Amino acid sequence: MSEIIKYENIGMKYGDNEVIKNFNLSIDSGDFISIIGTSGSGKTIILKMVNRLNHPSEGKIYIHGKDIETMDIIQLRRTIGYAIQGSVLFPHMNVEQNIAYVPNLLNKKDKEKTKKAVQKWMKLVELDESLLSRYPDELSGGQQQRVGIARALAASPDILLMDEPFGAVDEITRTSLQEELKKLHRKTKITMLFVTHNIAEALYLGTKVLVMHEGKIQQFDTPENILNHPKTDYVKLLIRQAKRI
């Protein structure tokens, strides 16, 4: 696989507080990276650096070998999908309009192309087309989350960033969404970065798991190696929790 994202000597400070310390990581195209750690470990900060919602105090981030700080920020964000916890859908737009929002910006004159993109992603996130005319407040929490994922993917990005996207739904819906996301990744091979507090979810979804604690990488490995060969006391603690679950 080819490298798609590279973090090089990343540091991040808020005042005197160093929240990310000498962070180096290479992510291959098509990987699903689960990012796990306690609150304040730096996992969301690292995620948001990819689309420049956060800026490192030092170091560089590259996408396809290009320093993202040299890229037009609007163009950068249009090529990176972003889905977060809860519904962030536009309440005054129906499902079709929500999913079509970014494709309409990119293909202002090609309405047919946008319509096909909406249909494609509705099918891939397993939403019935009968929902296209509904508004967000007419959907269940799980349906809203699926629409949010479809909207994040509608411009066919190379990278999808997901920050606790299933945190606001019930456990049964969460399990269903996990299965659908895993299936979606197999079909699309889009590079996904997925932040979660749930170690079982991280191990189930990720082709690789990034474990963070106090701004540092504890282990970056396959789920099997994380589970069977934890390298630090912190990772061992997480694995004990996963086995209890």
C-alpha atoms as a PDB file:
ATOM      1  CA  MET A   1       0.000   0.000   0.000  1.00  0.00           C
ATOM      2  CA  SER A   2       1.095   3.592  -0.598  1.00  0.00           C
ATOM      3  CA  GLU A   3       1.373   6.190   2.129  1.00  0.00           C
ATOM      4  CA  ILE A   4      -1.526   8.675   2.155  1.00  0.00           C
ATOM      5  CA  ILE A   5      -1.042  10.566   5.468  1.00  0.00           C
ATOM      6  CA  LYS A   6       2.203  11.309   7.272  1.00  0.00           C
ATOM      7  CA  TYR A   7       2.630  13.077  10.613  1.00  0.00           C
ATOM      8  CA  GLU A   8       6.217  14.303  11.016  1.00  0.00           C
ATOM      9  CA  ASN A   9       7.562  15.469  14.403  1.00  0.00           C
ATOM     10  CA  ILE A  10       4.208  16.873  15.491  1.00  0.00           C
ATOM     11  CA  GLY A  11       3.971  18.843  18.713  1.00  0.00           C
ATOM     12  CA  MET A  12       1.010  20.781  20.093  1.00  0.00           C
ATOM     13  CA  LYS A  13       0.841  23.213  23.001  1.00  0.00           C
ATOM     14  CA  TYR A  14      -1.957  25.122  24.687  1.00  0.00           C
ATOM     15  CA  GLY A  15      -0.051  27.760  26.632  1.00  0.00           C
ATOM     16  CA  ASP A  16       2.497  25.837  28.694  1.00  0.00           C
ATOM     17  CA  ASN A  17       0.546  22.595  28.388  1.00  0.00           C
ATOM     18  CA  GLU A  18       2.112  20.201  25.865  1.00  0.00           C
ATOM     19  CA  VAL A  19      -0.781  18.029  24.672  1.00  0.00           C
ATOM     20  CA  ILE A  20       0.975  16.285  21.749  1.00  0.00           C
ATOM     21  CA  LYS A  21       4.625  15.275  22.022  1.00  0.00           C
ATOM     22  CA  ASN A  22       6.922  14.268  19.154  1.00  0.00           C
ATOM     23  CA  PHE A  23       4.151  12.497  17.246  1.00  0.00           C
ATOM     24  CA  ASN A  24       5.253  10.563  14.139  1.00  0.00           C
ATOM     25  CA  LEU A  25       2.943   8.308  12.167  1.00  0.00           C
ATOM     26  CA  SER A  26       2.536   6.985   8.628  1.00  0.00           C
ATOM     27  CA  ILE A  27      -0.876   5.825   7.391  1.00  0.00           C
ATOM     28  CA  ASP A  28      -1.299   3.736   4.257  1.00  0.00           C
ATOM     29  CA  SER A  29      -4.016   4.281   1.674  1.00  0.00           C
ATOM     30  CA  GLY A  30      -7.065   2.128   2.364  1.00  0.00           C
ATOM     31  CA  ASP A  31      -6.351   1.587   6.065  1.00  0.00           C
ATOM     32  CA  PHE A  32      -9.041   1.905   8.731  1.00  0.00           C
ATOM     33  CA  ILE A  33      -7.296   3.487  11.724  1.00  0.00           C
ATOM     34  CA  SER A  34      -9.131   3.243  15.046  1.00  0.00           C
ATOM     35  CA  ILE A  35      -7.809   5.850  17.505  1.00  0.00           C
ATOM     36  CA  ILE A  36      -8.372   5.004  21.155  1.00  0.00           C
ATOM     37  CA  GLY A  37      -7.372   6.722  24.390  1.00  0.00           C
ATOM     38  CA  THR A  38      -8.657   8.475  27.482  1.00  0.00           C
ATOM     39  CA  SER A  39     -10.169  11.957  27.386  1.00  0.00           C
ATOM     40  CA  GLY A  40      -7.317  14.417  26.947  1.00  0.00           C
ATOM     41  CA  SER A  41      -5.012  11.871  25.312  1.00  0.00           C
ATOM     42  CA  GLY A  42      -4.862  13.921  22.099  1.00  0.00           C
ATOM     43  CA  LYS A  43      -6.768  11.606  19.775  1.00  0.00           C
ATOM     44  CA  THR A  44      -9.295  14.190  18.531  1.00  0.00           C
ATOM     45  CA  ILE A  45      -6.555  16.816  18.178  1.00  0.00           C
ATOM     46  CA  ILE A  46      -4.580  14.470  15.930  1.00  0.00           C
ATOM     47  CA  LEU A  47      -7.689  13.691  13.869  1.00  0.00           C
ATOM     48  CA  LYS A  48      -8.577  17.359  13.327  1.00  0.00           C
ATOM     49  CA  MET A  49      -5.058  18.232  12.220  1.00  0.00           C
ATOM     50  CA  VAL A  50      -5.661  16.306   8.979  1.00  0.00           C
ATOM     51  CA  ASN A  51      -8.265  18.820   7.744  1.00  0.00           C
ATOM     52  CA  ARG A  52      -6.591  21.762   9.512  1.00  0.00           C
ATOM     53  CA  LEU A  53      -9.269  22.268  12.152  1.00  0.00           C
ATOM     54  CA  ASN A  54      -6.296  22.060  14.512  1.00  0.00           C
ATOM     55  CA  HIS A  55      -2.814  23.351  13.714  1.00  0.00           C
ATOM     56  CA  PRO A  56       0.308  21.802  15.248  1.00  0.00           C
ATOM     57  CA  SER A  57       2.711  24.044  17.148  1.00  0.00           C
ATOM     58  CA  GLU A  58       5.556  22.238  15.397  1.00  0.00           C
ATOM     59  CA  GLY A  59       6.057  19.615  12.717  1.00  0.00           C
ATOM     60  CA  LYS A  60       4.282  18.945   9.430  1.00  0.00           C
ATOM     61  CA  ILE A  61       1.470  16.804   8.054  1.00  0.00           C
ATOM     62  CA  TYR A  62       1.551  15.499   4.504  1.00  0.00           C
ATOM     63  CA  ILE A  63      -1.254  14.103   2.341  1.00  0.00           C
ATOM     64  CA  HIS A  64      -0.088  12.279  -0.774  1.00  0.00           C
ATOM     65  CA  GLY A  65       3.358  13.701  -0.001  1.00  0.00           C
ATOM     66  CA  LYS A  66       2.189  17.333   0.005  1.00  0.00           C
ATOM     67  CA  ASP A  67       2.452  19.611   3.047  1.00  0.00           C
ATOM     68  CA  ILE A  68      -1.180  20.438   3.895  1.00  0.00           C
ATOM     69  CA  GLU A  69      -0.227  23.933   5.089  1.00  0.00           C
ATOM     70  CA  THR A  70       0.640  24.783   1.467  1.00  0.00           C
ATOM     71  CA  MET A  71      -2.750  23.606   0.175  1.00  0.00           C
ATOM     72  CA  ASP A  72      -5.871  25.708  -0.337  1.00  0.00           C
ATOM     73  CA  ILE A  73      -7.908  25.001   2.796  1.00  0.00           C
ATOM     74  CA  ILE A  74     -11.278  24.880   1.011  1.00  0.00           C
ATOM     75  CA  GLN A  75     -10.014  22.426  -1.594  1.00  0.00           C
ATOM     76  CA  LEU A  76      -8.356  20.360   1.129  1.00  0.00           C
ATOM     77  CA  ARG A  77     -11.562  20.039   3.148  1.00  0.00           C
ATOM     78  CA  ARG A  78     -13.653  19.215   0.098  1.00  0.00           C
ATOM     79  CA  THR A  79     -11.492  16.132  -0.459  1.00  0.00           C
ATOM     80  CA  ILE A  80     -11.765  14.943   3.161  1.00  0.00           C
ATOM     81  CA  GLY A  81     -15.044  13.650   4.583  1.00  0.00           C
ATOM     82  CA  TYR A  82     -15.841  14.520   8.194  1.00  0.00           C
ATOM     83  CA  ALA A  83     -18.471  12.904  10.424  1.00  0.00           C
ATOM     84  CA  ILE A  84     -18.899  13.561  14.147  1.00  0.00           C
ATOM     85  CA  GLN A  85     -21.068  12.467  17.049  1.00  0.00           C
ATOM     86  CA  GLY A  86     -24.758  13.261  16.870  1.00  0.00           C
ATOM     87  CA  SER A  87     -26.683  14.867  14.071  1.00  0.00           C
ATOM     88  CA  VAL A  88     -24.963  17.783  12.362  1.00  0.00           C
ATOM     89  CA  LEU A  89     -27.355  17.718   9.419  1.00  0.00           C
ATOM     90  CA  PHE A  90     -28.821  20.958   8.110  1.00  0.00           C
ATOM     91  CA  PRO A  91     -32.303  20.972   9.713  1.00  0.00           C
ATOM     92  CA  HIS A  92     -33.873  23.035   6.921  1.00  0.00           C
ATOM     93  CA  MET A  93     -32.720  20.579   4.221  1.00  0.00           C
ATOM     94  CA  ASN A  94     -34.170  17.154   3.492  1.00  0.00           C
ATOM     95  CA  VAL A  95     -32.032  14.021   3.266  1.00  0.00           C
ATOM     96  CA  GLU A  96     -31.339  14.407  -0.461  1.00  0.00           C
ATOM     97  CA  GLN A  97     -30.321  18.059  -0.075  1.00  0.00           C
ATOM     98  CA  ASN A  98     -28.060  17.253   2.892  1.00  0.00           C
ATOM     99  CA  ILE A  99     -26.184  14.505   1.050  1.00  0.00           C
ATOM    100  CA  ALA A 100     -25.992  16.571  -2.137  1.00  0.00           C
ATOM    101  CA  TYR A 101     -24.609  19.670  -0.406  1.00  0.00           C
ATOM    102  CA  VAL A 102     -20.889  19.226  -1.205  1.00  0.00           C
ATOM    103  CA  PRO A 103     -21.405  17.554  -4.626  1.00  0.00           C
ATOM    104  CA  ASN A 104     -23.546  20.557  -5.589  1.00  0.00           C
ATOM    105  CA  LEU A 105     -20.659  22.865  -4.716  1.00  0.00           C
ATOM    106  CA  LEU A 106     -18.270  20.791  -6.832  1.00  0.00           C
ATOM    107  CA  ASN A 107     -20.612  20.034  -9.741  1.00  0.00           C
ATOM    108  CA  LYS A 108     -22.859  23.076  -9.981  1.00  0.00           C
ATOM    109  CA  LYS A 109     -23.872  22.357 -13.563  1.00  0.00           C
ATOM    110  CA  ASP A 110     -24.039  18.566 -13.446  1.00  0.00           C
ATOM    111  CA  LYS A 111     -27.227  17.822 -11.496  1.00  0.00           C
ATOM    112  CA  GLU A 112     -27.458  14.295 -12.885  1.00  0.00           C
ATOM    113  CA  LYS A 113     -23.995  13.443 -11.536  1.00  0.00           C
ATOM    114  CA  THR A 114     -25.006  14.742  -8.107  1.00  0.00           C
ATOM    115  CA  LYS A 115     -28.238  12.747  -8.156  1.00  0.00           C
ATOM    116  CA  LYS A 116     -26.327   9.559  -8.970  1.00  0.00           C
ATOM    117  CA  ALA A 117     -23.857  10.277  -6.150  1.00  0.00           C
ATOM    118  CA  VAL A 118     -26.742  10.652  -3.672  1.00  0.00           C
ATOM    119  CA  GLN A 119     -28.322   7.387  -4.840  1.00  0.00           C
ATOM    120  CA  LYS A 120     -24.974   5.584  -4.632  1.00  0.00           C
ATOM    121  CA  TRP A 121     -24.260   6.601  -1.048  1.00  0.00           C
ATOM    122  CA  MET A 122     -27.832   6.069   0.121  1.00  0.00           C
ATOM    123  CA  LYS A 123     -27.481   2.486  -1.067  1.00  0.00           C
ATOM    124  CA  LEU A 124     -24.038   1.990   0.478  1.00  0.00           C
ATOM    125  CA  VAL A 125     -25.137   3.194   3.942  1.00  0.00           C
ATOM    126  CA  GLU A 126     -28.280   1.070   3.560  1.00  0.00           C
ATOM    127  CA  LEU A 127     -30.878   3.831   3.610  1.00  0.00           C
ATOM    128  CA  ASP A 128     -34.085   3.419   1.642  1.00  0.00           C
ATOM    129  CA  GLU A 129     -34.680   6.027  -1.067  1.00  0.00           C
ATOM    130  CA  SER A 130     -38.121   6.675   0.431  1.00  0.00           C
ATOM    131  CA  LEU A 131     -36.261   8.745   3.074  1.00  0.00           C
ATOM    132  CA  LEU A 132     -34.862  11.241   0.534  1.00  0.00           C
ATOM    133  CA  SER A 133     -37.650  13.761   1.068  1.00  0.00           C
ATOM    134  CA  ARG A 134     -37.636  13.552   4.866  1.00  0.00           C
ATOM    135  CA  TYR A 135     -36.074  16.154   7.155  1.00  0.00           C
ATOM    136  CA  PRO A 136     -33.622  15.358   9.972  1.00  0.00           C
ATOM    137  CA  ASP A 137     -36.219  15.672  12.735  1.00  0.00           C
ATOM    138  CA  GLU A 138     -38.264  12.970  10.988  1.00  0.00           C
ATOM    139  CA  LEU A 139     -35.410  10.433  11.229  1.00  0.00           C
ATOM    140  CA  SER A 140     -34.256   8.134  14.002  1.00  0.00           C
ATOM    141  CA  GLY A 141     -30.829   8.678  15.567  1.00  0.00           C
ATOM    142  CA  GLY A 142     -29.377   5.806  13.562  1.00  0.00           C
ATOM    143  CA  GLN A 143     -30.845   7.118  10.315  1.00  0.00           C
ATOM    144  CA  GLN A 144     -29.466  10.595  11.010  1.00  0.00           C
ATOM    145  CA  GLN A 145     -26.007   9.122  11.591  1.00  0.00           C
ATOM    146  CA  ARG A 146     -26.182   7.154   8.336  1.00  0.00           C
ATOM    147  CA  VAL A 147     -27.185  10.299   6.447  1.00  0.00           C
ATOM    148  CA  GLY A 148     -24.268  12.118   8.069  1.00  0.00           C
ATOM    149  CA  ILE A 149     -21.866   9.427   6.871  1.00  0.00           C
ATOM    150  CA  ALA A 150     -23.389   9.488   3.376  1.00  0.00           C
ATOM    151  CA  ARG A 151     -22.986  13.276   3.257  1.00  0.00           C
ATOM    152  CA  ALA A 152     -19.345  12.991   4.365  1.00  0.00           C
ATOM    153  CA  LEU A 153     -18.713  10.495   1.558  1.00  0.00           C
ATOM    154  CA  ALA A 154     -20.812  12.079  -1.182  1.00  0.00           C
ATOM    155  CA  ALA A 155     -17.894  13.953  -2.775  1.00  0.00           C
ATOM    156  CA  SER A 156     -15.944  10.655  -2.978  1.00  0.00           C
ATOM    157  CA  PRO A 157     -13.105  11.779  -0.675  1.00  0.00           C
ATOM    158  CA  ASP A 158      -9.816   9.926  -0.306  1.00  0.00           C
ATOM    159  CA  ILE A 159     -10.026  10.226   3.487  1.00  0.00           C
ATOM    160  CA  LEU A 160     -12.897  10.041   5.967  1.00  0.00           C
ATOM    161  CA  LEU A 161     -12.421  11.454   9.484  1.00  0.00           C
ATOM    162  CA  MET A 162     -14.875  10.236  12.135  1.00  0.00           C
ATOM    163  CA  ASP A 163     -14.948  11.591  15.692  1.00  0.00           C
ATOM    164  CA  GLU A 164     -17.051   9.419  18.031  1.00  0.00           C
ATOM    165  CA  PRO A 165     -19.753   9.157  15.338  1.00  0.00           C
ATOM    166  CA  PHE A 166     -21.779   6.501  17.184  1.00  0.00           C
ATOM    167  CA  GLY A 167     -21.539   7.955  20.677  1.00  0.00           C
ATOM    168  CA  ALA A 168     -25.068   9.376  20.734  1.00  0.00           C
ATOM    169  CA  VAL A 169     -27.006   6.276  19.625  1.00  0.00           C
ATOM    170  CA  ASP A 170     -28.245   3.289  21.632  1.00  0.00           C
ATOM    171  CA  GLU A 171     -26.171   0.105  21.868  1.00  0.00           C
ATOM    172  CA  ILE A 172     -28.242  -1.926  19.377  1.00  0.00           C
ATOM    173  CA  THR A 173     -28.093   0.854  16.779  1.00  0.00           C
ATOM    174  CA  ARG A 174     -24.379   1.301  17.475  1.00  0.00           C
ATOM    175  CA  THR A 175     -23.683  -2.382  16.766  1.00  0.00           C
ATOM    176  CA  SER A 176     -25.629  -2.157  13.506  1.00  0.00           C
ATOM    177  CA  LEU A 177     -23.749   0.994  12.442  1.00  0.00           C
ATOM    178  CA  GLN A 178     -20.415  -0.655  13.246  1.00  0.00           C
ATOM    179  CA  GLU A 179     -21.257  -3.591  10.982  1.00  0.00           C
ATOM    180  CA  GLU A 180     -22.379  -1.286   8.176  1.00  0.00           C
ATOM    181  CA  LEU A 181     -19.267   0.891   8.456  1.00  0.00           C
ATOM    182  CA  LYS A 182     -17.003  -2.169   8.340  1.00  0.00           C
ATOM    183  CA  LYS A 183     -18.845  -3.374   5.236  1.00  0.00           C
ATOM    184  CA  LEU A 184     -18.637   0.120   3.695  1.00  0.00           C
ATOM    185  CA  HIS A 185     -14.875   0.234   4.221  1.00  0.00           C
ATOM    186  CA  ARG A 186     -14.431  -3.151   2.543  1.00  0.00           C
ATOM    187  CA  LYS A 187     -16.412  -1.936  -0.475  1.00  0.00           C
ATOM    188  CA  THR A 188     -14.884   1.516  -0.889  1.00  0.00           C
ATOM    189  CA  LYS A 189     -11.311   1.134   0.466  1.00  0.00           C
ATOM    190  CA  ILE A 190     -11.475   4.772   1.602  1.00  0.00           C
ATOM    191  CA  THR A 191      -8.847   5.617   4.211  1.00  0.00           C
ATOM    192  CA  MET A 192     -10.706   6.100   7.497  1.00  0.00           C
ATOM    193  CA  LEU A 193      -9.580   7.600  10.818  1.00  0.00           C
ATOM    194  CA  PHE A 194     -12.049   6.783  13.585  1.00  0.00           C
ATOM    195  CA  VAL A 195     -11.832   8.204  17.125  1.00  0.00           C
ATOM    196  CA  THR A 196     -13.537   6.207  19.874  1.00  0.00           C
ATOM    197  CA  HIS A 197     -13.463   5.711  23.658  1.00  0.00           C
ATOM    198  CA  ASN A 198     -14.613   2.109  23.197  1.00  0.00           C
ATOM    199  CA  ILE A 199     -11.723  -0.382  22.990  1.00  0.00           C
ATOM    200  CA  ALA A 200     -13.958  -3.220  21.758  1.00  0.00           C
ATOM    201  CA  GLU A 201     -15.226  -0.957  18.946  1.00  0.00           C
ATOM    202  CA  ALA A 202     -11.667   0.065  18.064  1.00  0.00           C
ATOM    203  CA  LEU A 203     -10.500  -3.549  17.832  1.00  0.00           C
ATOM    204  CA  TYR A 204     -13.540  -4.636  15.806  1.00  0.00           C
ATOM    205  CA  LEU A 205     -13.404  -1.853  13.215  1.00  0.00           C
ATOM    206  CA  GLY A 206      -9.727  -1.061  12.693  1.00  0.00           C
ATOM    207  CA  THR A 207      -7.323  -2.660  10.271  1.00  0.00           C
ATOM    208  CA  LYS A 208      -4.868  -0.932  12.622  1.00  0.00           C
ATOM    209  CA  VAL A 209      -5.357   0.550  16.084  1.00  0.00           C
ATOM    210  CA  LEU A 210      -3.602   3.652  17.400  1.00  0.00           C
ATOM    211  CA  VAL A 211      -3.506   3.741  21.202  1.00  0.00           C
ATOM    212  CA  MET A 212      -2.729   7.163  22.691  1.00  0.00           C
ATOM    213  CA  HIS A 213      -2.095   8.345  26.242  1.00  0.00           C
ATOM    214  CA  GLU A 214      -1.010  11.788  27.441  1.00  0.00           C
ATOM    215  CA  GLY A 215      -0.212  12.987  23.920  1.00  0.00           C
ATOM    216  CA  LYS A 216       2.006  10.034  23.010  1.00  0.00           C
ATOM    217  CA  ILE A 217       1.620   6.890  20.942  1.00  0.00           C
ATOM    218  CA  GLN A 218       1.464   3.856  23.213  1.00  0.00           C
ATOM    219  CA  GLN A 219       1.111   1.351  20.373  1.00  0.00           C
ATOM    220  CA  PHE A 220       0.213   1.365  16.675  1.00  0.00           C
ATOM    221  CA  ASP A 221      -0.495  -2.113  15.436  1.00  0.00           C
ATOM    222  CA  THR A 222      -3.031  -4.586  14.091  1.00  0.00           C
ATOM    223  CA  PRO A 223      -5.983  -5.421  16.361  1.00  0.00           C
ATOM    224  CA  GLU A 224      -4.577  -8.939  16.766  1.00  0.00           C
ATOM    225  CA  ASN A 225      -1.192  -7.675  17.989  1.00  0.00           C
ATOM    226  CA  ILE A 226      -2.785  -5.067  20.246  1.00  0.00           C
ATOM    227  CA  LEU A 227      -4.949  -7.787  21.776  1.00  0.00           C
ATOM    228  CA  ASN A 228      -2.290 -10.483  22.086  1.00  0.00           C
ATOM    229  CA  HIS A 229       0.917  -8.478  22.464  1.00  0.00           C
ATOM    230  CA  PRO A 230       0.205  -5.201  24.320  1.00  0.00           C
ATOM    231  CA  LYS A 231       3.446  -3.237  24.666  1.00  0.00           C
ATOM    232  CA  THR A 232       2.793  -0.879  27.595  1.00  0.00           C
ATOM    233  CA  ASP A 233       0.970  -0.983  30.926  1.00  0.00           C
ATOM    234  CA  TYR A 234      -1.657   1.397  29.552  1.00  0.00           C
ATOM    235  CA  VAL A 235      -2.399  -0.858  26.550  1.00  0.00           C
ATOM    236  CA  LYS A 236      -2.552  -3.883  28.882  1.00  0.00           C
ATOM    237  CA  LEU A 237      -5.174  -2.038  30.962  1.00  0.00           C
ATOM    238  CA  LEU A 238      -7.284  -1.362  27.851  1.00  0.00           C
ATOM    239  CA  ILE A 239      -7.056  -5.006  26.810  1.00  0.00           C
ATOM    240  CA  ARG A 240      -8.230  -6.183  30.229  1.00  0.00           C
ATOM    241  CA  GLN A 241     -11.255  -3.896  29.778  1.00  0.00           C
ATOM    242  CA  ALA A 242     -11.893  -5.285  26.283  1.00  0.00           C
ATOM    243  CA  LYS A 243     -11.773  -8.858  27.524  1.00  0.00           C
ATOM    244  CA  ARG A 244     -14.278  -8.051  30.272  1.00  0.00           C
ATOM    245  CA  ILE A 245     -16.605  -6.631  27.596  1.00  0.00           C
END
